[in-house]
């Protein structure tokens, strides 16, 4: 894969289960909340907690639900970007069409 646009369908195929996607959404949302707290409380160590929280939820989905390796291991920046794109698509109602375009059942 040479571009994020090539990576995106692969990423969606690695997140076929609605449970995995829900875990990602939970982890990403909690991470954003913790980051906001880090800024509001001026506690930089909370940034580390935000990263751990986000990845913990995501990796549970990969290891115990999807039974695959997180894309983070090979494509960390694209994976990070795709987490937020997937959340944005879910919040805007576009995720089902993105999954369909990638050949993944919305579940």
C-alpha atoms as a PDB file:
ATOM      1  CA  UNK A   1       0.000   0.000   0.000  1.00  0.00           C
ATOM      2  CA  UNK A   2       1.371   3.322  -1.057  1.00  0.00           C
ATOM      3  CA  UNK A   3      -1.371   5.748   0.000  1.00  0.00           C
ATOM      4  CA  UNK A   4      -3.945   6.203   2.733  1.00  0.00           C
ATOM      5  CA  UNK A   5      -6.688   5.765   0.119  1.00  0.00           C
ATOM      6  CA  UNK A   6      -5.313   2.279  -0.604  1.00  0.00           C
ATOM      7  CA  UNK A   7      -5.022   1.549   3.124  1.00  0.00           C
ATOM      8  CA  UNK A   8      -8.588   2.591   4.022  1.00  0.00           C
ATOM      9  CA  UNK A   9     -10.431  -0.451   2.501  1.00  0.00           C
ATOM     10  CA  UNK A  10      -7.859  -2.772   4.117  1.00  0.00           C
ATOM     11  CA  UNK A  11      -8.446  -1.044   7.453  1.00  0.00           C
ATOM     12  CA  UNK A  12     -12.211  -1.487   7.176  1.00  0.00           C
ATOM     13  CA  UNK A  13     -11.750  -5.173   6.356  1.00  0.00           C
ATOM     14  CA  UNK A  14      -9.727  -5.544   9.550  1.00  0.00           C
ATOM     15  CA  UNK A  15     -12.763  -4.170  11.450  1.00  0.00           C
ATOM     16  CA  UNK A  16     -15.542  -6.409  10.136  1.00  0.00           C
ATOM     17  CA  UNK A  17     -17.216  -7.051  13.471  1.00  0.00           C
ATOM     18  CA  UNK A  18     -19.540  -4.374  14.851  1.00  0.00           C
ATOM     19  CA  UNK A  19     -18.113  -5.274  18.283  1.00  0.00           C
ATOM     20  CA  UNK A  20     -14.609  -4.378  17.149  1.00  0.00           C
ATOM     21  CA  UNK A  21     -15.841  -1.094  15.719  1.00  0.00           C
ATOM     22  CA  UNK A  22     -17.740  -0.329  18.945  1.00  0.00           C
ATOM     23  CA  UNK A  23     -14.585  -0.992  20.967  1.00  0.00           C
ATOM     24  CA  UNK A  24     -12.659   1.354  18.687  1.00  0.00           C
ATOM     25  CA  UNK A  25     -15.320   4.048  19.006  1.00  0.00           C
ATOM     26  CA  UNK A  26     -15.311   3.697  22.785  1.00  0.00           C
ATOM     27  CA  UNK A  27     -11.537   3.842  23.050  1.00  0.00           C
ATOM     28  CA  UNK A  28     -11.197   6.765  20.661  1.00  0.00           C
ATOM     29  CA  UNK A  29     -13.989   8.723  22.357  1.00  0.00           C
ATOM     30  CA  UNK A  30     -12.580   8.108  25.834  1.00  0.00           C
ATOM     31  CA  UNK A  31      -9.134   9.087  24.595  1.00  0.00           C
ATOM     32  CA  UNK A  32     -10.478  12.391  23.278  1.00  0.00           C
ATOM     33  CA  UNK A  33     -12.167  13.013  26.633  1.00  0.00           C
ATOM     34  CA  UNK A  34      -8.953  12.243  28.519  1.00  0.00           C
ATOM     35  CA  UNK A  35      -7.008  14.556  26.177  1.00  0.00           C
ATOM     36  CA  UNK A  36      -9.497  17.344  26.866  1.00  0.00           C
ATOM     37  CA  UNK A  37      -9.021  16.721  30.592  1.00  0.00           C
ATOM     38  CA  UNK A  38      -5.242  16.825  30.129  1.00  0.00           C
ATOM     39  CA  UNK A  39      -5.534  20.267  28.569  1.00  0.00           C
ATOM     40  CA  UNK A  40      -8.143  21.585  31.006  1.00  0.00           C
ATOM     41  CA  UNK A  41      -6.292  20.313  34.057  1.00  0.00           C
ATOM     42  CA  UNK A  42      -2.817  21.013  32.632  1.00  0.00           C
ATOM     43  CA  UNK A  43      -1.788  17.417  33.314  1.00  0.00           C
ATOM     44  CA  UNK A  44       0.496  16.244  30.476  1.00  0.00           C
ATOM     45  CA  UNK A  45       0.715  12.716  31.908  1.00  0.00           C
ATOM     46  CA  UNK A  46      -2.932  12.258  30.980  1.00  0.00           C
ATOM     47  CA  UNK A  47      -1.838  12.255  27.337  1.00  0.00           C
ATOM     48  CA  UNK A  48      -0.147   8.921  27.975  1.00  0.00           C
ATOM     49  CA  UNK A  49      -3.318   7.649  29.642  1.00  0.00           C
ATOM     50  CA  UNK A  50      -5.305   8.711  26.565  1.00  0.00           C
ATOM     51  CA  UNK A  51      -3.034   6.713  24.274  1.00  0.00           C
ATOM     52  CA  UNK A  52      -3.164   3.634  26.491  1.00  0.00           C
ATOM     53  CA  UNK A  53      -6.948   3.857  26.737  1.00  0.00           C
ATOM     54  CA  UNK A  54      -7.457   4.154  22.989  1.00  0.00           C
ATOM     55  CA  UNK A  55      -5.140   1.326  22.093  1.00  0.00           C
ATOM     56  CA  UNK A  56      -6.358  -0.958  24.889  1.00  0.00           C
ATOM     57  CA  UNK A  57      -9.940  -0.939  23.623  1.00  0.00           C
ATOM     58  CA  UNK A  58      -8.829  -1.342  20.006  1.00  0.00           C
ATOM     59  CA  UNK A  59      -6.448  -4.199  20.699  1.00  0.00           C
ATOM     60  CA  UNK A  60      -9.050  -6.112  22.701  1.00  0.00           C
ATOM     61  CA  UNK A  61     -11.213  -5.997  19.576  1.00  0.00           C
ATOM     62  CA  UNK A  62      -8.417  -7.259  17.352  1.00  0.00           C
ATOM     63  CA  UNK A  63      -7.047  -9.982  19.587  1.00  0.00           C
ATOM     64  CA  UNK A  64     -10.299 -11.333  21.041  1.00  0.00           C
ATOM     65  CA  UNK A  65     -12.990 -10.487  18.474  1.00  0.00           C
ATOM     66  CA  UNK A  66     -11.379 -10.226  15.022  1.00  0.00           C
ATOM     67  CA  UNK A  67      -8.440 -12.531  15.836  1.00  0.00           C
ATOM     68  CA  UNK A  68      -6.082 -10.429  13.738  1.00  0.00           C
ATOM     69  CA  UNK A  69      -3.111  -8.144  14.306  1.00  0.00           C
ATOM     70  CA  UNK A  70      -3.857  -4.430  14.677  1.00  0.00           C
ATOM     71  CA  UNK A  71      -2.865  -2.420  11.614  1.00  0.00           C
ATOM     72  CA  UNK A  72      -1.011  -0.134  14.033  1.00  0.00           C
ATOM     73  CA  UNK A  73       1.909  -2.554  13.996  1.00  0.00           C
ATOM     74  CA  UNK A  74       2.666  -2.022  10.306  1.00  0.00           C
ATOM     75  CA  UNK A  75       0.997   1.314   9.542  1.00  0.00           C
ATOM     76  CA  UNK A  76       0.844   3.337  12.780  1.00  0.00           C
ATOM     77  CA  UNK A  77       0.100   6.776  11.307  1.00  0.00           C
ATOM     78  CA  UNK A  78      -2.433   5.577   8.756  1.00  0.00           C
ATOM     79  CA  UNK A  79      -4.091   3.435  11.407  1.00  0.00           C
ATOM     80  CA  UNK A  80      -4.332   6.383  13.795  1.00  0.00           C
ATOM     81  CA  UNK A  81      -5.832   8.528  11.037  1.00  0.00           C
ATOM     82  CA  UNK A  82      -8.228   5.738  10.030  1.00  0.00           C
ATOM     83  CA  UNK A  83      -9.491   5.379  13.618  1.00  0.00           C
ATOM     84  CA  UNK A  84     -10.674   8.967  13.507  1.00  0.00           C
ATOM     85  CA  UNK A  85     -12.022   8.654   9.969  1.00  0.00           C
ATOM     86  CA  UNK A  86     -14.035   5.574  10.974  1.00  0.00           C
ATOM     87  CA  UNK A  87     -15.422   7.401  14.026  1.00  0.00           C
ATOM     88  CA  UNK A  88     -16.272  10.439  11.894  1.00  0.00           C
ATOM     89  CA  UNK A  89     -18.012   8.250   9.316  1.00  0.00           C
ATOM     90  CA  UNK A  90     -20.004   6.527  12.054  1.00  0.00           C
ATOM     91  CA  UNK A  91     -21.068   9.828  13.616  1.00  0.00           C
ATOM     92  CA  UNK A  92     -22.051  11.295  10.246  1.00  0.00           C
ATOM     93  CA  UNK A  93     -23.943   8.204   9.067  1.00  0.00           C
ATOM     94  CA  UNK A  94     -21.494   7.424   6.265  1.00  0.00           C
ATOM     95  CA  UNK A  95     -19.901   4.293   7.740  1.00  0.00           C
ATOM     96  CA  UNK A  96     -22.343   1.791   6.201  1.00  0.00           C
ATOM     97  CA  UNK A  97     -21.607   3.084   2.697  1.00  0.00           C
ATOM     98  CA  UNK A  98     -17.844   3.064   3.352  1.00  0.00           C
ATOM     99  CA  UNK A  99     -18.051  -0.524   4.595  1.00  0.00           C
ATOM    100  CA  UNK A 100     -20.120  -1.535   1.576  1.00  0.00           C
ATOM    101  CA  UNK A 101     -17.645   0.118  -0.811  1.00  0.00           C
ATOM    102  CA  UNK A 102     -14.841  -1.856   0.894  1.00  0.00           C
ATOM    103  CA  UNK A 103     -16.830  -5.101   0.604  1.00  0.00           C
ATOM    104  CA  UNK A 104     -17.568  -5.398   4.330  1.00  0.00           C
ATOM    105  CA  UNK A 105     -21.013  -6.179   5.699  1.00  0.00           C
ATOM    106  CA  UNK A 106     -22.154  -3.412   8.085  1.00  0.00           C
ATOM    107  CA  UNK A 107     -23.187  -6.188  10.484  1.00  0.00           C
END
